[in-house]
Amino acid sequence: MTAPAPLEIKLHQIRRTLELVYDDGRIFQLPCEYLRVYSPSAEVCGHGPGQEVLQTGKEQVSINAIRPVGGYGICPTFSDGHNTGIYTWETLYDLCVHQRERWGEYLHKLKEAGYERQQA
């Protein structure tokens, strides 16, 4: 079973969030920082398990543009210049429904690395 494509994708630049609306009525607000640190790119994920790179200093990142990729996803351009992550509908939906636990995991990894996150 494939993940649904969002009916609407709205970028809120002032709040630095991406809003995704699905046909079941669910609406998700994903912070740009969250999307950036969980980019499905090789820069973030590496080229295999155990090669992930912890992203730091992304508290103020925003999205400057969003490019559709075929009929299966989007590729955002972030304010830090990152533009190589293709977010498939499956990736986006997974980030939506697991936002709370993934964000907690990210904050835990930052703490373990000794990084003190700046308030956005």
PDB file of N, CA and C in Angstrom:
ATOM      1  N   MET A   1       0.841  -1.184   0.000  1.00  0.00           N
ATOM      2  CA  MET A   1       0.000   0.000   0.000  1.00  0.00           C
ATOM      3  C   MET A   1       0.885   1.246   0.000  1.00  0.00           C
ATOM      4  N   THR A   2       0.636   2.158  -0.906  1.00  0.00           N
ATOM      5  CA  THR A   2       1.429   3.374  -0.983  1.00  0.00           C
ATOM      6  C   THR A   2       0.789   4.480  -0.155  1.00  0.00           C
ATOM      7  N   ALA A   3       1.622   5.397   0.265  1.00  0.00           N
ATOM      8  CA  ALA A   3       1.143   6.534   1.050  1.00  0.00           C
ATOM      9  C   ALA A   3       0.370   7.481   0.141  1.00  0.00           C
ATOM     10  N   PRO A   4      -0.611   8.168   0.688  1.00  0.00           N
ATOM     11  CA  PRO A   4      -1.384   9.100  -0.134  1.00  0.00           C
ATOM     12  C   PRO A   4      -0.574  10.339  -0.487  1.00  0.00           C
ATOM     13  N   ALA A   5      -0.891  10.901  -1.620  1.00  0.00           N
ATOM     14  CA  ALA A   5      -0.325  12.199  -1.995  1.00  0.00           C
ATOM     15  C   ALA A   5      -1.145  13.273  -1.292  1.00  0.00           C
ATOM     16  N   PRO A   6      -0.514  14.328  -0.842  1.00  0.00           N
ATOM     17  CA  PRO A   6      -1.293  15.405  -0.220  1.00  0.00           C
ATOM     18  C   PRO A   6      -2.169  16.103  -1.253  1.00  0.00           C
ATOM     19  N   LEU A   7      -3.344  16.516  -0.808  1.00  0.00           N
ATOM     20  CA  LEU A   7      -4.232  17.295  -1.686  1.00  0.00           C
ATOM     21  C   LEU A   7      -3.710  18.713  -1.864  1.00  0.00           C
ATOM     22  N   GLU A   8      -3.123  19.242  -0.791  1.00  0.00           N
ATOM     23  CA  GLU A   8      -2.581  20.603  -0.809  1.00  0.00           C
ATOM     24  C   GLU A   8      -1.243  20.622  -0.099  1.00  0.00           C
ATOM     25  N   ILE A   9      -0.349  21.442  -0.624  1.00  0.00           N
ATOM     26  CA  ILE A   9       0.939  21.710   0.015  1.00  0.00           C
ATOM     27  C   ILE A   9       1.070  23.223   0.075  1.00  0.00           C
ATOM     28  N   LYS A  10       1.154  23.752   1.285  1.00  0.00           N
ATOM     29  CA  LYS A  10       1.236  25.207   1.458  1.00  0.00           C
ATOM     30  C   LYS A  10       2.496  25.533   2.246  1.00  0.00           C
ATOM     31  N   LEU A  11       3.288  26.438   1.712  1.00  0.00           N
ATOM     32  CA  LEU A  11       4.476  26.913   2.401  1.00  0.00           C
ATOM     33  C   LEU A  11       4.129  28.189   3.151  1.00  0.00           C
ATOM     34  N   HIS A  12       4.360  28.177   4.444  1.00  0.00           N
ATOM     35  CA  HIS A  12       4.153  29.364   5.290  1.00  0.00           C
ATOM     36  C   HIS A  12       5.541  29.894   5.640  1.00  0.00           C
ATOM     37  N   GLN A  13       6.019  30.850   4.864  1.00  0.00           N
ATOM     38  CA  GLN A  13       7.397  31.307   5.010  1.00  0.00           C
ATOM     39  C   GLN A  13       7.652  32.037   6.316  1.00  0.00           C
ATOM     40  N   ILE A  14       6.710  32.823   6.792  1.00  0.00           N
ATOM     41  CA  ILE A  14       6.930  33.555   8.044  1.00  0.00           C
ATOM     42  C   ILE A  14       7.042  32.587   9.221  1.00  0.00           C
ATOM     43  N   ARG A  15       6.173  31.578   9.253  1.00  0.00           N
ATOM     44  CA  ARG A  15       6.217  30.576  10.339  1.00  0.00           C
ATOM     45  C   ARG A  15       7.259  29.496  10.074  1.00  0.00           C
ATOM     46  N   ARG A  16       7.808  29.485   8.858  1.00  0.00           N
ATOM     47  CA  ARG A  16       8.777  28.463   8.439  1.00  0.00           C
ATOM     48  C   ARG A  16       8.212  27.058   8.639  1.00  0.00           C
ATOM     49  N   THR A  17       7.018  26.838   8.060  1.00  0.00           N
ATOM     50  CA  THR A  17       6.393  25.520   8.109  1.00  0.00           C
ATOM     51  C   THR A  17       5.848  25.154   6.737  1.00  0.00           C
ATOM     52  N   LEU A  18       5.728  23.854   6.531  1.00  0.00           N
ATOM     53  CA  LEU A  18       5.092  23.328   5.335  1.00  0.00           C
ATOM     54  C   LEU A  18       3.826  22.629   5.790  1.00  0.00           C
ATOM     55  N   GLU A  19       2.697  23.055   5.253  1.00  0.00           N
ATOM     56  CA  GLU A  19       1.408  22.476   5.619  1.00  0.00           C
ATOM     57  C   GLU A  19       0.992  21.468   4.556  1.00  0.00           C
ATOM     58  N   LEU A  20       0.628  20.283   5.005  1.00  0.00           N
ATOM     59  CA  LEU A  20       0.189  19.213   4.112  1.00  0.00           C
ATOM     60  C   LEU A  20      -1.233  18.822   4.488  1.00  0.00           C
ATOM     61  N   VAL A  21      -2.120  18.848   3.513  1.00  0.00           N
ATOM     62  CA  VAL A  21      -3.523  18.505   3.721  1.00  0.00           C
ATOM     63  C   VAL A  21      -3.810  17.219   2.959  1.00  0.00           C
ATOM     64  N   TYR A  22      -4.382  16.235   3.662  1.00  0.00           N
ATOM     65  CA  TYR A  22      -4.689  14.938   3.048  1.00  0.00           C
ATOM     66  C   TYR A  22      -6.187  14.747   2.904  1.00  0.00           C
ATOM     67  N   ASP A  23      -6.576  13.831   2.024  1.00  0.00           N
ATOM     68  CA  ASP A  23      -7.993  13.634   1.708  1.00  0.00           C
ATOM     69  C   ASP A  23      -8.804  13.040   2.853  1.00  0.00           C
ATOM     70  N   ASP A  24      -8.138  12.529   3.884  1.00  0.00           N
ATOM     71  CA  ASP A  24      -8.868  12.023   5.045  1.00  0.00           C
ATOM     72  C   ASP A  24      -9.140  13.125   6.074  1.00  0.00           C
ATOM     73  N   GLY A  25      -8.796  14.370   5.705  1.00  0.00           N
ATOM     74  CA  GLY A  25      -9.031  15.507   6.580  1.00  0.00           C
ATOM     75  C   GLY A  25      -7.859  15.838   7.486  1.00  0.00           C
ATOM     76  N   ARG A  26      -6.826  15.014   7.482  1.00  0.00           N
ATOM     77  CA  ARG A  26      -5.675  15.275   8.339  1.00  0.00           C
ATOM     78  C   ARG A  26      -4.838  16.412   7.758  1.00  0.00           C
ATOM     79  N   ILE A  27      -4.404  17.291   8.645  1.00  0.00           N
ATOM     80  CA  ILE A  27      -3.562  18.422   8.269  1.00  0.00           C
ATOM     81  C   ILE A  27      -2.325  18.382   9.162  1.00  0.00           C
ATOM     82  N   PHE A  28      -1.171  18.461   8.536  1.00  0.00           N
ATOM     83  CA  PHE A  28       0.091  18.422   9.266  1.00  0.00           C
ATOM     84  C   PHE A  28       0.866  19.708   9.016  1.00  0.00           C
ATOM     85  N   GLN A  29       1.533  20.203  10.043  1.00  0.00           N
ATOM     86  CA  GLN A  29       2.409  21.364   9.955  1.00  0.00           C
ATOM     87  C   GLN A  29       3.828  20.883  10.257  1.00  0.00           C
ATOM     88  N   LEU A  30       4.669  20.845   9.245  1.00  0.00           N
ATOM     89  CA  LEU A  30       6.037  20.377   9.426  1.00  0.00           C
ATOM     90  C   LEU A  30       6.996  21.563   9.395  1.00  0.00           C
ATOM     91  N   PRO A  31       7.735  21.798  10.481  1.00  0.00           N
ATOM     92  CA  PRO A  31       8.714  22.884  10.482  1.00  0.00           C
ATOM     93  C   PRO A  31       9.799  22.644   9.432  1.00  0.00           C
ATOM     94  N   CYS A  32      10.272  23.706   8.829  1.00  0.00           N
ATOM     95  CA  CYS A  32      11.330  23.593   7.829  1.00  0.00           C
ATOM     96  C   CYS A  32      12.573  22.944   8.428  1.00  0.00           C
ATOM     97  N   GLU A  33      12.886  23.283   9.660  1.00  0.00           N
ATOM     98  CA  GLU A  33      14.045  22.673  10.325  1.00  0.00           C
ATOM     99  C   GLU A  33      13.898  21.152  10.373  1.00  0.00           C
ATOM    100  N   TYR A  34      12.733  20.678  10.743  1.00  0.00           N
ATOM    101  CA  TYR A  34      12.464  19.234  10.810  1.00  0.00           C
ATOM    102  C   TYR A  34      12.661  18.587   9.441  1.00  0.00           C
ATOM    103  N   LEU A  35      12.104  19.206   8.414  1.00  0.00           N
ATOM    104  CA  LEU A  35      12.261  18.666   7.058  1.00  0.00           C
ATOM    105  C   LEU A  35      13.727  18.672   6.632  1.00  0.00           C
ATOM    106  N   ARG A  36      14.451  19.708   6.992  1.00  0.00           N
ATOM    107  CA  ARG A  36      15.860  19.818   6.595  1.00  0.00           C
ATOM    108  C   ARG A  36      16.713  18.751   7.283  1.00  0.00           C
ATOM    109  N   VAL A  37      16.510  18.555   8.580  1.00  0.00           N
ATOM    110  CA  VAL A  37      17.370  17.597   9.295  1.00  0.00           C
ATOM    111  C   VAL A  37      17.011  16.157   8.971  1.00  0.00           C
ATOM    112  N   TYR A  38      15.827  15.930   8.413  1.00  0.00           N
ATOM    113  CA  TYR A  38      15.421  14.594   7.974  1.00  0.00           C
ATOM    114  C   TYR A  38      15.362  14.507   6.447  1.00  0.00           C
ATOM    115  N   SER A  39      16.172  15.305   5.772  1.00  0.00           N
ATOM    116  CA  SER A  39      16.220  15.249   4.316  1.00  0.00           C
ATOM    117  C   SER A  39      16.601  13.843   3.867  1.00  0.00           C
ATOM    118  N   PRO A  40      15.920  13.333   2.845  1.00  0.00           N
ATOM    119  CA  PRO A  40      16.261  12.002   2.340  1.00  0.00           C
ATOM    120  C   PRO A  40      17.470  12.013   1.399  1.00  0.00           C
ATOM    121  N   SER A  41      18.295  13.030   1.475  1.00  0.00           N
ATOM    122  CA  SER A  41      19.460  13.153   0.598  1.00  0.00           C
ATOM    123  C   SER A  41      20.645  12.345   1.115  1.00  0.00           C
ATOM    124  N   ALA A  42      21.595  12.090   0.246  1.00  0.00           N
ATOM    125  CA  ALA A  42      22.819  11.384   0.642  1.00  0.00           C
ATOM    126  C   ALA A  42      23.619  12.223   1.633  1.00  0.00           C
ATOM    127  N   GLU A  43      23.527  13.549   1.546  1.00  0.00           N
ATOM    128  CA  GLU A  43      24.231  14.423   2.477  1.00  0.00           C
ATOM    129  C   GLU A  43      23.815  14.153   3.914  1.00  0.00           C
ATOM    130  N   VAL A  44      22.552  13.819   4.119  1.00  0.00           N
ATOM    131  CA  VAL A  44      22.019  13.569   5.456  1.00  0.00           C
ATOM    132  C   VAL A  44      22.015  12.079   5.782  1.00  0.00           C
ATOM    133  N   CYS A  45      21.546  11.271   4.860  1.00  0.00           N
ATOM    134  CA  CYS A  45      21.380   9.829   5.096  1.00  0.00           C
ATOM    135  C   CYS A  45      22.638   9.015   4.844  1.00  0.00           C
ATOM    136  N   GLY A  46      23.599   9.581   4.131  1.00  0.00           N
ATOM    137  CA  GLY A  46      24.759   8.813   3.720  1.00  0.00           C
ATOM    138  C   GLY A  46      24.365   7.870   2.598  1.00  0.00           C
ATOM    139  N   HIS A  47      25.225   6.893   2.352  1.00  0.00           N
ATOM    140  CA  HIS A  47      24.971   5.950   1.268  1.00  0.00           C
ATOM    141  C   HIS A  47      24.622   4.566   1.781  1.00  0.00           C
ATOM    142  N   GLY A  48      24.308   4.487   3.070  1.00  0.00           N
ATOM    143  CA  GLY A  48      23.930   3.201   3.640  1.00  0.00           C
ATOM    144  C   GLY A  48      23.736   3.329   5.136  1.00  0.00           C
ATOM    145  N   PRO A  49      23.218   2.279   5.754  1.00  0.00           N
ATOM    146  CA  PRO A  49      22.988   2.305   7.200  1.00  0.00           C
ATOM    147  C   PRO A  49      24.272   2.634   7.970  1.00  0.00           C
ATOM    148  N   GLY A  50      24.111   3.472   8.986  1.00  0.00           N
ATOM    149  CA  GLY A  50      25.245   3.851   9.815  1.00  0.00           C
ATOM    150  C   GLY A  50      26.058   5.012   9.270  1.00  0.00           C
ATOM    151  N   GLN A  51      25.678   5.534   8.119  1.00  0.00           N
ATOM    152  CA  GLN A  51      26.413   6.647   7.519  1.00  0.00           C
ATOM    153  C   GLN A  51      25.666   7.972   7.646  1.00  0.00           C
ATOM    154  N   GLU A  52      24.625   8.005   8.461  1.00  0.00           N
ATOM    155  CA  GLU A  52      23.836   9.214   8.627  1.00  0.00           C
ATOM    156  C   GLU A  52      24.713  10.324   9.204  1.00  0.00           C
ATOM    157  N   VAL A  53      24.433  11.559   8.799  1.00  0.00           N
ATOM    158  CA  VAL A  53      25.178  12.713   9.274  1.00  0.00           C
ATOM    159  C   VAL A  53      24.227  13.605  10.069  1.00  0.00           C
ATOM    160  N   LEU A  54      24.524  13.794  11.351  1.00  0.00           N
ATOM    161  CA  LEU A  54      23.693  14.637  12.207  1.00  0.00           C
ATOM    162  C   LEU A  54      23.773  16.072  11.720  1.00  0.00           C
ATOM    163  N   GLN A  55      22.634  16.663  11.458  1.00  0.00           N
ATOM    164  CA  GLN A  55      22.548  18.036  10.980  1.00  0.00           C
ATOM    165  C   GLN A  55      22.405  18.980  12.168  1.00  0.00           C
ATOM    166  N   THR A  56      23.271  19.979  12.248  1.00  0.00           N
ATOM    167  CA  THR A  56      23.215  20.963  13.322  1.00  0.00           C
ATOM    168  C   THR A  56      23.150  22.363  12.718  1.00  0.00           C
ATOM    169  N   GLY A  57      22.704  23.309  13.524  1.00  0.00           N
ATOM    170  CA  GLY A  57      22.663  24.687  13.079  1.00  0.00           C
ATOM    171  C   GLY A  57      21.571  24.995  12.078  1.00  0.00           C
ATOM    172  N   LYS A  58      20.499  24.234  12.100  1.00  0.00           N
ATOM    173  CA  LYS A  58      19.420  24.407  11.120  1.00  0.00           C
ATOM    174  C   LYS A  58      18.179  25.067  11.727  1.00  0.00           C
ATOM    175  N   GLU A  59      18.323  25.664  12.904  1.00  0.00           N
ATOM    176  CA  GLU A  59      17.178  26.234  13.603  1.00  0.00           C
ATOM    177  C   GLU A  59      16.472  27.338  12.819  1.00  0.00           C
ATOM    178  N   GLN A  60      17.215  28.104  12.038  1.00  0.00           N
ATOM    179  CA  GLN A  60      16.639  29.241  11.310  1.00  0.00           C
ATOM    180  C   GLN A  60      16.376  28.946   9.834  1.00  0.00           C
ATOM    181  N   VAL A  61      16.576  27.704   9.416  1.00  0.00           N
ATOM    182  CA  VAL A  61      16.427  27.376   8.003  1.00  0.00           C
ATOM    183  C   VAL A  61      14.968  27.523   7.564  1.00  0.00           C
ATOM    184  N   SER A  62      14.809  27.939   6.323  1.00  0.00           N
ATOM    185  CA  SER A  62      13.472  28.045   5.743  1.00  0.00           C
ATOM    186  C   SER A  62      13.515  27.406   4.352  1.00  0.00           C
ATOM    187  N   ILE A  63      12.370  27.355   3.719  1.00  0.00           N
ATOM    188  CA  ILE A  63      12.289  26.827   2.359  1.00  0.00           C
ATOM    189  C   ILE A  63      12.055  28.009   1.422  1.00  0.00           C
ATOM    190  N   ASN A  64      12.911  28.131   0.411  1.00  0.00           N
ATOM    191  CA  ASN A  64      12.790  29.221  -0.555  1.00  0.00           C
ATOM    192  C   ASN A  64      11.918  28.862  -1.746  1.00  0.00           C
ATOM    193  N   ALA A  65      11.909  27.583  -2.116  1.00  0.00           N
ATOM    194  CA  ALA A  65      11.148  27.140  -3.286  1.00  0.00           C
ATOM    195  C   ALA A  65      10.863  25.650  -3.164  1.00  0.00           C
ATOM    196  N   ILE A  66       9.813  25.215  -3.852  1.00  0.00           N
ATOM    197  CA  ILE A  66       9.462  23.793  -3.889  1.00  0.00           C
ATOM    198  C   ILE A  66       9.229  23.413  -5.342  1.00  0.00           C
ATOM    199  N   ARG A  67       9.945  22.396  -5.771  1.00  0.00           N
ATOM    200  CA  ARG A  67       9.822  21.912  -7.148  1.00  0.00           C
ATOM    201  C   ARG A  67       9.136  20.549  -7.129  1.00  0.00           C
ATOM    202  N   PRO A  68       8.078  20.369  -7.933  1.00  0.00           N
ATOM    203  CA  PRO A  68       7.470  19.037  -8.024  1.00  0.00           C
ATOM    204  C   PRO A  68       8.432  18.075  -8.715  1.00  0.00           C
ATOM    205  N   VAL A  69       8.392  16.806  -8.297  1.00  0.00           N
ATOM    206  CA  VAL A  69       9.217  15.771  -8.914  1.00  0.00           C
ATOM    207  C   VAL A  69       8.259  14.702  -9.439  1.00  0.00           C
ATOM    208  N   GLY A  70       8.094  14.690 -10.760  1.00  0.00           N
ATOM    209  CA  GLY A  70       7.155  13.751 -11.371  1.00  0.00           C
ATOM    210  C   GLY A  70       5.806  13.849 -10.690  1.00  0.00           C
ATOM    211  N   GLY A  71       5.142  12.740 -10.546  1.00  0.00           N
ATOM    212  CA  GLY A  71       3.878  12.700  -9.819  1.00  0.00           C
ATOM    213  C   GLY A  71       4.049  12.026  -8.480  1.00  0.00           C
ATOM    214  N   TYR A  72       5.282  11.992  -7.974  1.00  0.00           N
ATOM    215  CA  TYR A  72       5.531  11.200  -6.774  1.00  0.00           C
ATOM    216  C   TYR A  72       6.188  11.943  -5.624  1.00  0.00           C
ATOM    217  N   GLY A  73       6.459  13.254  -5.758  1.00  0.00           N
ATOM    218  CA  GLY A  73       7.076  13.945  -4.637  1.00  0.00           C
ATOM    219  C   GLY A  73       7.446  15.375  -4.945  1.00  0.00           C
ATOM    220  N   ILE A  74       8.245  15.936  -4.045  1.00  0.00           N
ATOM    221  CA  ILE A  74       8.707  17.316  -4.169  1.00  0.00           C
ATOM    222  C   ILE A  74      10.187  17.397  -3.807  1.00  0.00           C
ATOM    223  N   CYS A  75      10.819  18.474  -4.263  1.00  0.00           N
ATOM    224  CA  CYS A  75      12.207  18.758  -3.922  1.00  0.00           C
ATOM    225  C   CYS A  75      12.284  20.208  -3.470  1.00  0.00           C
ATOM    226  N   PRO A  76      12.369  20.436  -2.164  1.00  0.00           N
ATOM    227  CA  PRO A  76      12.474  21.808  -1.676  1.00  0.00           C
ATOM    228  C   PRO A  76      13.898  22.346  -1.793  1.00  0.00           C
ATOM    229  N   THR A  77      14.001  23.649  -1.972  1.00  0.00           N
ATOM    230  CA  THR A  77      15.274  24.344  -1.880  1.00  0.00           C
ATOM    231  C   THR A  77      15.256  25.096  -0.559  1.00  0.00           C
ATOM    232  N   PHE A  78      16.195  24.745   0.316  1.00  0.00           N
ATOM    233  CA  PHE A  78      16.266  25.355   1.634  1.00  0.00           C
ATOM    234  C   PHE A  78      17.149  26.594   1.606  1.00  0.00           C
ATOM    235  N   SER A  79      16.960  27.464   2.575  1.00  0.00           N
ATOM    236  CA  SER A  79      17.700  28.725   2.633  1.00  0.00           C
ATOM    237  C   SER A  79      19.196  28.531   2.847  1.00  0.00           C
ATOM    238  N   ASP A  80      19.613  27.354   3.298  1.00  0.00           N
ATOM    239  CA  ASP A  80      21.050  27.082   3.454  1.00  0.00           C
ATOM    240  C   ASP A  80      21.657  26.515   2.175  1.00  0.00           C
ATOM    241  N   GLY A  81      20.875  26.489   1.090  1.00  0.00           N
ATOM    242  CA  GLY A  81      21.356  26.029  -0.199  1.00  0.00           C
ATOM    243  C   GLY A  81      21.097  24.559  -0.483  1.00  0.00           C
ATOM    244  N   HIS A  82      20.674  23.799   0.518  1.00  0.00           N
ATOM    245  CA  HIS A  82      20.414  22.371   0.315  1.00  0.00           C
ATOM    246  C   HIS A  82      19.210  22.200  -0.610  1.00  0.00           C
ATOM    247  N   ASN A  83      19.387  21.400  -1.671  1.00  0.00           N
ATOM    248  CA  ASN A  83      18.292  21.204  -2.628  1.00  0.00           C
ATOM    249  C   ASN A  83      18.353  19.837  -3.305  1.00  0.00           C
ATOM    250  N   THR A  84      18.923  18.845  -2.624  1.00  0.00           N
ATOM    251  CA  THR A  84      19.078  17.540  -3.264  1.00  0.00           C
ATOM    252  C   THR A  84      18.194  16.443  -2.670  1.00  0.00           C
ATOM    253  N   GLY A  85      17.379  16.767  -1.689  1.00  0.00           N
ATOM    254  CA  GLY A  85      16.504  15.756  -1.104  1.00  0.00           C
ATOM    255  C   GLY A  85      15.181  15.670  -1.837  1.00  0.00           C
ATOM    256  N   ILE A  86      14.873  14.494  -2.363  1.00  0.00           N
ATOM    257  CA  ILE A  86      13.571  14.286  -3.004  1.00  0.00           C
ATOM    258  C   ILE A  86      12.657  13.620  -1.981  1.00  0.00           C
ATOM    259  N   TYR A  87      11.634  14.349  -1.589  1.00  0.00           N
ATOM    260  CA  TYR A  87      10.671  13.877  -0.604  1.00  0.00           C
ATOM    261  C   TYR A  87       9.518  13.221  -1.356  1.00  0.00           C
ATOM    262  N   THR A  88       9.531  11.896  -1.421  1.00  0.00           N
ATOM    263  CA  THR A  88       8.430  11.182  -2.059  1.00  0.00           C
ATOM    264  C   THR A  88       7.193  11.324  -1.184  1.00  0.00           C
ATOM    265  N   TRP A  89       6.041  10.990  -1.734  1.00  0.00           N
ATOM    266  CA  TRP A  89       4.809  11.041  -0.936  1.00  0.00           C
ATOM    267  C   TRP A  89       4.951  10.123   0.273  1.00  0.00           C
ATOM    268  N   GLU A  90       5.600   8.974   0.110  1.00  0.00           N
ATOM    269  CA  GLU A  90       5.796   8.045   1.224  1.00  0.00           C
ATOM    270  C   GLU A  90       6.665   8.665   2.313  1.00  0.00           C
ATOM    271  N   THR A  91       7.753   9.314   1.904  1.00  0.00           N
ATOM    272  CA  THR A  91       8.652   9.957   2.866  1.00  0.00           C
ATOM    273  C   THR A  91       7.922  11.064   3.614  1.00  0.00           C
ATOM    274  N   LEU A  92       7.205  11.909   2.885  1.00  0.00           N
ATOM    275  CA  LEU A  92       6.482  13.015   3.528  1.00  0.00           C
ATOM    276  C   LEU A  92       5.435  12.503   4.523  1.00  0.00           C
ATOM    277  N   TYR A  93       4.674  11.505   4.099  1.00  0.00           N
ATOM    278  CA  TYR A  93       3.621  10.984   4.980  1.00  0.00           C
ATOM    279  C   TYR A  93       4.238  10.355   6.231  1.00  0.00           C
ATOM    280  N   ASP A  94       5.344   9.651   6.055  1.00  0.00           N
ATOM    281  CA  ASP A  94       6.047   9.061   7.193  1.00  0.00           C
ATOM    282  C   ASP A  94       6.541  10.151   8.147  1.00  0.00           C
ATOM    283  N   LEU A  95       7.097  11.227   7.607  1.00  0.00           N
ATOM    284  CA  LEU A  95       7.536  12.335   8.447  1.00  0.00           C
ATOM    285  C   LEU A  95       6.359  12.981   9.177  1.00  0.00           C
ATOM    286  N   CYS A  96       5.209  13.021   8.524  1.00  0.00           N
ATOM    287  CA  CYS A  96       4.009  13.585   9.146  1.00  0.00           C
ATOM    288  C   CYS A  96       3.549  12.735  10.335  1.00  0.00           C
ATOM    289  N   VAL A  97       3.308  11.468  10.088  1.00  0.00           N
ATOM    290  CA  VAL A  97       2.691  10.629  11.123  1.00  0.00           C
ATOM    291  C   VAL A  97       3.650  10.255  12.246  1.00  0.00           C
ATOM    292  N   HIS A  98       4.953  10.395  12.017  1.00  0.00           N
ATOM    293  CA  HIS A  98       5.931  10.068  13.057  1.00  0.00           C
ATOM    294  C   HIS A  98       6.690  11.300  13.542  1.00  0.00           C
ATOM    295  N   GLN A  99       6.113  12.469  13.338  1.00  0.00           N
ATOM    296  CA  GLN A  99       6.801  13.719  13.661  1.00  0.00           C
ATOM    297  C   GLN A  99       7.239  13.787  15.120  1.00  0.00           C
ATOM    298  N   ARG A 100       6.363  13.479  16.025  1.00  0.00           N
ATOM    299  CA  ARG A 100       6.684  13.615  17.450  1.00  0.00           C
ATOM    300  C   ARG A 100       7.885  12.747  17.840  1.00  0.00           C
ATOM    301  N   GLU A 101       7.848  11.460  17.480  1.00  0.00           N
ATOM    302  CA  GLU A 101       8.947  10.587  17.891  1.00  0.00           C
ATOM    303  C   GLU A 101      10.245  10.901  17.146  1.00  0.00           C
ATOM    304  N   ARG A 102      10.154  11.258  15.871  1.00  0.00           N
ATOM    305  CA  ARG A 102      11.379  11.580  15.125  1.00  0.00           C
ATOM    306  C   ARG A 102      12.020  12.855  15.647  1.00  0.00           C
ATOM    307  N   TRP A 103      11.201  13.840  15.992  1.00  0.00           N
ATOM    308  CA  TRP A 103      11.750  15.082  16.531  1.00  0.00           C
ATOM    309  C   TRP A 103      12.427  14.798  17.875  1.00  0.00           C
ATOM    310  N   GLY A 104      11.802  13.972  18.691  1.00  0.00           N
ATOM    311  CA  GLY A 104      12.413  13.593  19.965  1.00  0.00           C
ATOM    312  C   GLY A 104      13.737  12.877  19.768  1.00  0.00           C
ATOM    313  N   GLU A 105      13.805  11.993  18.792  1.00  0.00           N
ATOM    314  CA  GLU A 105      15.056  11.283  18.480  1.00  0.00           C
ATOM    315  C   GLU A 105      16.136  12.272  18.057  1.00  0.00           C
ATOM    316  N   TYR A 106      15.755  13.225  17.241  1.00  0.00           N
ATOM    317  CA  TYR A 106      16.713  14.231  16.771  1.00  0.00           C
ATOM    318  C   TYR A 106      17.258  15.047  17.950  1.00  0.00           C
ATOM    319  N   LEU A 107      16.371  15.515  18.806  1.00  0.00           N
ATOM    320  CA  LEU A 107      16.817  16.298  19.969  1.00  0.00           C
ATOM    321  C   LEU A 107      17.733  15.476  20.864  1.00  0.00           C
ATOM    322  N   HIS A 108      17.433  14.193  21.020  1.00  0.00           N
ATOM    323  CA  HIS A 108      18.277  13.303  21.820  1.00  0.00           C
ATOM    324  C   HIS A 108      19.668  13.164  21.192  1.00  0.00           C
ATOM    325  N   LYS A 109      19.724  12.999  19.881  1.00  0.00           N
ATOM    326  CA  LYS A 109      21.016  12.882  19.192  1.00  0.00           C
ATOM    327  C   LYS A 109      21.827  14.164  19.323  1.00  0.00           C
ATOM    328  N   LEU A 110      21.160  15.315  19.254  1.00  0.00           N
ATOM    329  CA  LEU A 110      21.865  16.585  19.444  1.00  0.00           C
ATOM    330  C   LEU A 110      22.477  16.652  20.827  1.00  0.00           C
ATOM    331  N   LYS A 111      21.705  16.256  21.822  1.00  0.00           N
ATOM    332  CA  LYS A 111      22.190  16.290  23.200  1.00  0.00           C
ATOM    333  C   LYS A 111      23.386  15.367  23.372  1.00  0.00           C
ATOM    334  N   GLU A 112      23.280  14.150  22.827  1.00  0.00           N
ATOM    335  CA  GLU A 112      24.396  13.195  22.905  1.00  0.00           C
ATOM    336  C   GLU A 112      25.658  13.742  22.244  1.00  0.00           C
ATOM    337  N   ALA A 113      25.478  14.531  21.186  1.00  0.00           N
ATOM    338  CA  ALA A 113      26.616  15.091  20.462  1.00  0.00           C
ATOM    339  C   ALA A 113      27.150  16.353  21.143  1.00  0.00           C
ATOM    340  N   GLY A 114      26.486  16.813  22.201  1.00  0.00           N
ATOM    341  CA  GLY A 114      26.927  18.001  22.911  1.00  0.00           C
ATOM    342  C   GLY A 114      26.538  19.299  22.223  1.00  0.00           C
ATOM    343  N   TYR A 115      25.588  19.222  21.309  1.00  0.00           N
ATOM    344  CA  TYR A 115      25.144  20.423  20.604  1.00  0.00           C
ATOM    345  C   TYR A 115      23.983  21.064  21.353  1.00  0.00           C
ATOM    346  N   GLU A 116      24.100  22.338  21.618  1.00  0.00           N
ATOM    347  CA  GLU A 116      23.015  23.075  22.267  1.00  0.00           C
ATOM    348  C   GLU A 116      22.239  23.834  21.208  1.00  0.00           C
ATOM    349  N   ARG A 117      21.020  23.397  21.009  1.00  0.00           N
ATOM    350  CA  ARG A 117      20.163  23.981  19.981  1.00  0.00           C
ATOM    351  C   ARG A 117      19.782  25.413  20.346  1.00  0.00           C
ATOM    352  N   GLN A 118      19.904  26.323  19.361  1.00  0.00           N
ATOM    353  CA  GLN A 118      19.515  27.714  19.557  1.00  0.00           C
ATOM    354  C   GLN A 118      18.009  27.838  19.360  1.00  0.00           C
ATOM    355  N   GLN A 119      17.384  28.711  20.093  1.00  0.00           N
ATOM    356  CA  GLN A 119      15.945  28.928  19.938  1.00  0.00           C
ATOM    357  C   GLN A 119      15.684  29.602  18.604  1.00  0.00           C
ATOM    358  N   ALA A 120      14.737  29.028  17.876  1.00  0.00           N
ATOM    359  CA  ALA A 120      14.393  29.573  16.544  1.00  0.00           C
ATOM    360  C   ALA A 120      13.549  30.808  16.668  1.00  0.00           C
TER     361      ALA A 120
END
